[in-house]
Protein backbone atom coordinates (compact mmCIF):
# COMPACT_ATOMS: atom_id res chain seq x y z
CA MET A 1 2.95 -113.74 -19.58
CA GLU A 2 0.02 -115.19 -21.49
CA ARG A 3 -2.28 -117.59 -19.70
CA PRO A 4 -1.12 -120.90 -21.31
CA GLU A 5 2.60 -120.19 -20.84
CA PRO A 6 2.77 -120.95 -17.08
CA GLU A 7 1.29 -124.40 -17.69
CA LEU A 8 3.75 -125.04 -20.54
CA ILE A 9 6.58 -124.04 -18.20
CA ARG A 10 5.33 -126.40 -15.50
CA GLN A 11 4.84 -129.23 -17.99
CA SER A 12 8.35 -128.78 -19.34
CA TRP A 13 9.84 -128.55 -15.88
CA ARG A 14 8.12 -131.73 -14.68
CA ALA A 15 10.11 -133.68 -17.26
CA VAL A 16 13.36 -132.00 -16.19
CA SER A 17 12.68 -132.29 -12.47
CA ARG A 18 12.59 -136.08 -12.65
CA SER A 19 16.39 -136.07 -12.95
CA PRO A 20 17.58 -132.61 -11.88
CA LEU A 21 21.23 -133.55 -11.39
CA GLU A 22 21.47 -135.00 -14.89
CA HIS A 23 19.83 -131.97 -16.50
CA GLY A 24 21.74 -129.54 -14.28
CA THR A 25 25.03 -131.15 -15.29
CA VAL A 26 24.10 -130.82 -18.96
CA LEU A 27 23.11 -127.19 -18.29
CA PHE A 28 26.47 -126.32 -16.73
CA ALA A 29 28.44 -128.24 -19.36
CA ARG A 30 26.71 -126.11 -22.02
CA LEU A 31 27.22 -122.98 -19.94
CA PHE A 32 30.97 -123.61 -19.69
CA ALA A 33 31.11 -124.33 -23.42
CA LEU A 34 29.30 -121.06 -24.20
CA GLU A 35 31.22 -118.95 -21.67
CA PRO A 36 34.52 -120.58 -20.62
CA ASP A 37 35.46 -117.53 -18.52
CA LEU A 38 32.93 -118.66 -15.92
CA LEU A 39 34.94 -121.73 -14.90
CA PRO A 40 37.46 -119.80 -12.73
CA LEU A 41 34.57 -118.36 -10.70
CA PHE A 42 33.95 -121.80 -9.24
CA GLN A 43 36.45 -122.66 -6.54
CA TYR A 44 35.97 -124.88 -3.54
CA ASN A 45 38.46 -125.21 -0.69
CA CYS A 46 40.84 -122.92 -2.64
CA ARG A 47 40.87 -125.46 -5.47
CA GLN A 48 40.63 -124.06 -8.97
CA PHE A 49 39.37 -126.46 -11.61
CA SER A 50 41.53 -127.16 -14.64
CA SER A 51 38.65 -128.14 -16.91
CA PRO A 52 34.84 -128.13 -17.01
CA GLU A 53 34.89 -131.92 -16.61
CA ASP A 54 36.99 -131.56 -13.44
CA CYS A 55 34.49 -129.05 -12.08
CA LEU A 56 31.40 -131.02 -13.11
CA SER A 57 32.64 -134.12 -11.33
CA SER A 58 33.46 -132.50 -7.98
CA PRO A 59 31.07 -133.23 -5.10
CA GLU A 60 30.98 -129.54 -4.16
CA PHE A 61 29.95 -128.49 -7.64
CA LEU A 62 27.33 -131.24 -7.84
CA ASP A 63 25.88 -129.71 -4.68
CA HIS A 64 25.86 -126.31 -6.44
CA ILE A 65 23.98 -127.87 -9.37
CA ARG A 66 21.37 -129.25 -6.98
CA LYS A 67 20.89 -125.79 -5.44
CA VAL A 68 20.53 -124.12 -8.85
CA MET A 69 17.92 -126.66 -9.86
CA LEU A 70 16.03 -126.06 -6.60
CA VAL A 71 15.95 -122.32 -7.31
CA ILE A 72 14.62 -122.95 -10.80
CA ASP A 73 12.06 -125.33 -9.30
CA ALA A 74 10.93 -122.60 -6.90
CA ALA A 75 10.63 -120.15 -9.80
CA VAL A 76 8.55 -122.64 -11.78
CA THR A 77 6.35 -123.35 -8.77
CA ASN A 78 5.78 -119.62 -8.27
CA VAL A 79 5.76 -118.64 -11.95
CA GLU A 80 2.57 -116.62 -11.59
CA ASP A 81 3.82 -114.81 -8.48
CA LEU A 82 7.59 -114.44 -8.71
CA SER A 83 7.40 -111.46 -6.38
CA SER A 84 7.20 -114.00 -3.54
CA LEU A 85 10.82 -114.92 -4.37
CA GLU A 86 12.08 -111.38 -4.91
CA GLU A 87 14.00 -110.94 -1.64
CA TYR A 88 15.57 -114.38 -1.89
CA LEU A 89 16.62 -113.74 -5.49
CA ALA A 90 18.00 -110.29 -4.61
CA SER A 91 20.12 -111.87 -1.87
CA LEU A 92 21.28 -114.54 -4.29
CA GLY A 93 22.19 -111.80 -6.76
CA ARG A 94 24.35 -110.00 -4.20
CA LYS A 95 26.24 -113.23 -3.53
CA HIS A 96 26.77 -113.84 -7.26
CA ARG A 97 27.96 -110.25 -7.84
CA ALA A 98 30.42 -110.61 -4.97
CA VAL A 99 32.20 -113.45 -6.78
CA GLY A 100 32.23 -111.67 -10.15
CA VAL A 101 29.15 -112.98 -11.97
CA LYS A 102 27.74 -110.47 -14.46
CA LEU A 103 24.16 -110.12 -15.69
CA SER A 104 25.26 -111.12 -19.18
CA SER A 105 26.31 -114.51 -17.81
CA PHE A 106 22.71 -115.18 -16.85
CA SER A 107 21.63 -114.50 -20.42
CA VAL A 108 24.14 -117.13 -21.53
CA GLY A 109 22.77 -119.40 -18.79
CA LYS A 110 19.24 -118.96 -20.08
CA GLY A 111 20.44 -120.05 -23.53
CA ALA A 112 22.27 -122.99 -22.01
CA LEU A 113 19.12 -123.99 -20.15
CA THR A 114 17.06 -123.90 -23.33
CA LEU A 115 19.66 -126.10 -25.02
CA SER A 116 20.18 -128.49 -22.13
CA ARG A 117 17.86 -131.26 -23.22
CA ALA A 118 19.07 -134.65 -22.17
CA PRO A 119 18.32 -137.69 -24.34
CA GLY A 120 14.66 -138.58 -24.30
CA LEU A 121 13.43 -135.14 -23.29
CA GLY A 122 12.46 -134.31 -26.84
CA PRO A 123 10.97 -130.96 -27.74
CA LEU A 124 9.89 -129.92 -24.24
CA LEU A 125 12.63 -127.33 -23.89
CA SER A 126 12.36 -125.61 -27.23
CA PRO A 127 12.89 -122.02 -28.35
CA ARG A 128 9.09 -121.68 -28.11
CA LEU A 129 9.40 -122.36 -24.38
CA PRO A 130 12.49 -120.55 -23.04
CA LEU A 131 11.52 -121.12 -19.41
CA ALA A 132 10.51 -117.54 -18.83
CA THR A 133 10.91 -118.06 -15.11
CA CYS A 134 14.67 -118.03 -15.58
CA SER A 135 14.73 -114.72 -17.39
CA VAL A 136 12.40 -113.18 -14.83
CA SER A 137 14.28 -114.57 -11.85
CA HIS A 138 17.65 -113.59 -13.32
CA SER A 139 16.46 -110.04 -13.85
CA HIS A 140 15.79 -109.94 -10.11
CA ILE A 141 19.02 -111.69 -9.18
CA LEU A 142 21.55 -109.14 -10.38
CA ARG A 143 19.81 -105.85 -9.67
């Protein structure tokens, strides 16, 4: 990673981190639109969601969104030393594999993250800045 990129990642993330639930909801809405087969993987209390909107409005899923955004925040914070998160991410990967998540889904997620600008965020999350932390952390997650 070139020297200026970590600062661009942090700058971009600061704008997102002001309202993580809003941006995380947009992220997962885009993710479900790009890969609808992911919706059945999310079940809480044996309840399967009938639509992305149903899932995105459940308190349990909103908690999941918060956790995802915290992981991304940790990756951004440690962007220059992601090895400090390696064991945590490997454990997270084992949990995701156990419920049927595939590595290709994280590639779709990275695209959804790049596209998940909420109104007013402007060009901060652009193709020029794909939040490299996500691709690095996801490569560790599903090893």
